[in-house]
Amino acid sequence: MENNNHIRHIDELGRVVIPANFRKALSLETDSPVSINLQGNTITIQAATSRCAICGKEDNLHNIGDKWICQSCVDFINHKFTK
């Protein structure tokens, strides 16, 4: 991604346009879900995912931090670090 610094204005309905090169880089299309988070004085917008960030499974997911992790990977990590 060449230019990653864009200034945008919030419209009267509170909307902000995500630049086309950002949408293309994340494969976001019309009606693509995004996750919007507030952390201190920072708003983050990221492509919403319904796959485990570790193994790619799509079921039994938990949101941990800003990632989705399946129960199998949570169990594996818990087992690995609680020995």
C-alpha atoms as a PDB file:
ATOM      1  CA  MET A   1       0.000   0.000   0.000  1.00  0.00           C
ATOM      2  CA  GLU A   2       1.671   3.199  -1.146  1.00  0.00           C
ATOM      3  CA  ASN A   3      -0.133   6.005   0.658  1.00  0.00           C
ATOM      4  CA  ASN A   4      -1.344   5.014   4.112  1.00  0.00           C
ATOM      5  CA  ASN A   5      -2.072   8.518   5.446  1.00  0.00           C
ATOM      6  CA  HIS A   6      -5.419   9.966   4.406  1.00  0.00           C
ATOM      7  CA  ILE A   7      -7.387  12.825   5.934  1.00  0.00           C
ATOM      8  CA  ARG A   8     -11.142  12.370   5.700  1.00  0.00           C
ATOM      9  CA  HIS A   9     -14.049  14.402   7.055  1.00  0.00           C
ATOM     10  CA  ILE A  10     -16.953  12.962   9.007  1.00  0.00           C
ATOM     11  CA  ASP A  11     -20.271  13.693   7.289  1.00  0.00           C
ATOM     12  CA  GLU A  12     -23.494  14.800   9.003  1.00  0.00           C
ATOM     13  CA  LEU A  13     -24.441  11.169   9.689  1.00  0.00           C
ATOM     14  CA  GLY A  14     -21.072  10.311  11.270  1.00  0.00           C
ATOM     15  CA  ARG A  15     -19.762   8.440   8.224  1.00  0.00           C
ATOM     16  CA  VAL A  16     -16.184   8.351   6.972  1.00  0.00           C
ATOM     17  CA  VAL A  17     -15.172   7.014   3.551  1.00  0.00           C
ATOM     18  CA  ILE A  18     -12.472   4.333   3.665  1.00  0.00           C
ATOM     19  CA  PRO A  19     -10.007   5.083   0.836  1.00  0.00           C
ATOM     20  CA  ALA A  20     -10.242   2.796  -2.200  1.00  0.00           C
ATOM     21  CA  ASN A  21      -6.633   1.579  -1.894  1.00  0.00           C
ATOM     22  CA  PHE A  22      -7.310   0.510   1.724  1.00  0.00           C
ATOM     23  CA  ARG A  23     -10.492  -1.334   0.717  1.00  0.00           C
ATOM     24  CA  LYS A  24      -8.677  -3.040  -2.149  1.00  0.00           C
ATOM     25  CA  ALA A  25      -5.756  -4.101   0.074  1.00  0.00           C
ATOM     26  CA  LEU A  26      -8.191  -5.755   2.522  1.00  0.00           C
ATOM     27  CA  SER A  27     -10.562  -7.107  -0.173  1.00  0.00           C
ATOM     28  CA  LEU A  28     -13.430  -5.055   1.251  1.00  0.00           C
ATOM     29  CA  GLU A  29     -16.438  -4.666  -1.003  1.00  0.00           C
ATOM     30  CA  THR A  30     -19.878  -3.104  -0.586  1.00  0.00           C
ATOM     31  CA  ASP A  31     -21.542  -4.640   2.492  1.00  0.00           C
ATOM     32  CA  SER A  32     -18.275  -6.217   3.741  1.00  0.00           C
ATOM     33  CA  PRO A  33     -18.346  -6.375   7.552  1.00  0.00           C
ATOM     34  CA  VAL A  34     -15.782  -4.326   9.464  1.00  0.00           C
ATOM     35  CA  SER A  35     -14.939  -4.219  13.145  1.00  0.00           C
ATOM     36  CA  ILE A  36     -14.738  -0.751  14.745  1.00  0.00           C
ATOM     37  CA  ASN A  37     -13.005  -0.432  18.109  1.00  0.00           C
ATOM     38  CA  LEU A  38     -12.224   2.429  20.477  1.00  0.00           C
ATOM     39  CA  GLN A  39      -8.952   2.163  22.395  1.00  0.00           C
ATOM     40  CA  GLY A  40      -8.140   5.275  24.401  1.00  0.00           C
ATOM     41  CA  ASN A  41      -8.329   8.111  21.899  1.00  0.00           C
ATOM     42  CA  THR A  42      -7.808   5.841  18.867  1.00  0.00           C
ATOM     43  CA  ILE A  43     -10.504   4.376  16.636  1.00  0.00           C
ATOM     44  CA  THR A  44      -9.479   1.276  14.693  1.00  0.00           C
ATOM     45  CA  ILE A  45     -11.363  -0.125  11.723  1.00  0.00           C
ATOM     46  CA  GLN A  46     -10.431  -3.577  10.475  1.00  0.00           C
ATOM     47  CA  ALA A  47     -11.897  -6.206   8.238  1.00  0.00           C
ATOM     48  CA  ALA A  48     -14.177  -8.372  10.334  1.00  0.00           C
ATOM     49  CA  THR A  49     -13.233 -11.991  10.114  1.00  0.00           C
ATOM     50  CA  SER A  50     -14.999 -15.142  11.050  1.00  0.00           C
ATOM     51  CA  ARG A  51     -11.954 -17.409  10.909  1.00  0.00           C
ATOM     52  CA  CYS A  52      -9.465 -18.417  13.562  1.00  0.00           C
ATOM     53  CA  ALA A  53      -6.330 -16.274  13.267  1.00  0.00           C
ATOM     54  CA  ILE A  54      -4.202 -19.357  14.022  1.00  0.00           C
ATOM     55  CA  CYS A  55      -5.687 -22.308  12.139  1.00  0.00           C
ATOM     56  CA  GLY A  56      -8.383 -20.762   9.934  1.00  0.00           C
ATOM     57  CA  LYS A  57     -11.350 -22.711  11.340  1.00  0.00           C
ATOM     58  CA  GLU A  58     -14.724 -20.983  11.087  1.00  0.00           C
ATOM     59  CA  ASP A  59     -16.585 -22.456  14.058  1.00  0.00           C
ATOM     60  CA  ASN A  60     -16.599 -22.054  17.851  1.00  0.00           C
ATOM     61  CA  LEU A  61     -14.723 -18.718  17.764  1.00  0.00           C
ATOM     62  CA  HIS A  62     -13.818 -16.392  20.636  1.00  0.00           C
ATOM     63  CA  ASN A  63     -12.819 -12.761  20.244  1.00  0.00           C
ATOM     64  CA  ILE A  64      -9.504 -12.347  22.050  1.00  0.00           C
ATOM     65  CA  GLY A  65      -8.025  -8.875  21.830  1.00  0.00           C
ATOM     66  CA  ASP A  66      -8.664  -7.930  18.223  1.00  0.00           C
ATOM     67  CA  LYS A  67      -8.439 -11.494  16.833  1.00  0.00           C
ATOM     68  CA  TRP A  68     -10.790 -14.460  16.504  1.00  0.00           C
ATOM     69  CA  ILE A  69      -9.421 -17.708  17.982  1.00  0.00           C
ATOM     70  CA  CYS A  70     -11.217 -21.071  17.832  1.00  0.00           C
ATOM     71  CA  GLN A  71     -11.764 -23.151  20.968  1.00  0.00           C
ATOM     72  CA  SER A  72      -9.321 -25.823  19.770  1.00  0.00           C
ATOM     73  CA  CYS A  73      -6.492 -23.287  19.541  1.00  0.00           C
ATOM     74  CA  VAL A  74      -7.457 -21.727  22.890  1.00  0.00           C
ATOM     75  CA  ASP A  75      -7.325 -25.190  24.472  1.00  0.00           C
ATOM     76  CA  PHE A  76      -3.962 -25.947  22.847  1.00  0.00           C
ATOM     77  CA  ILE A  77      -2.462 -22.654  24.031  1.00  0.00           C
ATOM     78  CA  ASN A  78      -3.848 -23.108  27.546  1.00  0.00           C
ATOM     79  CA  HIS A  79      -2.454 -26.657  27.694  1.00  0.00           C
ATOM     80  CA  LYS A  80       0.923 -25.594  26.308  1.00  0.00           C
ATOM     81  CA  PHE A  81       1.423 -22.737  28.788  1.00  0.00           C
ATOM     82  CA  THR A  82      -0.143 -24.258  31.924  1.00  0.00           C
ATOM     83  CA  LYS A  83       2.133 -27.289  32.194  1.00  0.00           C
END
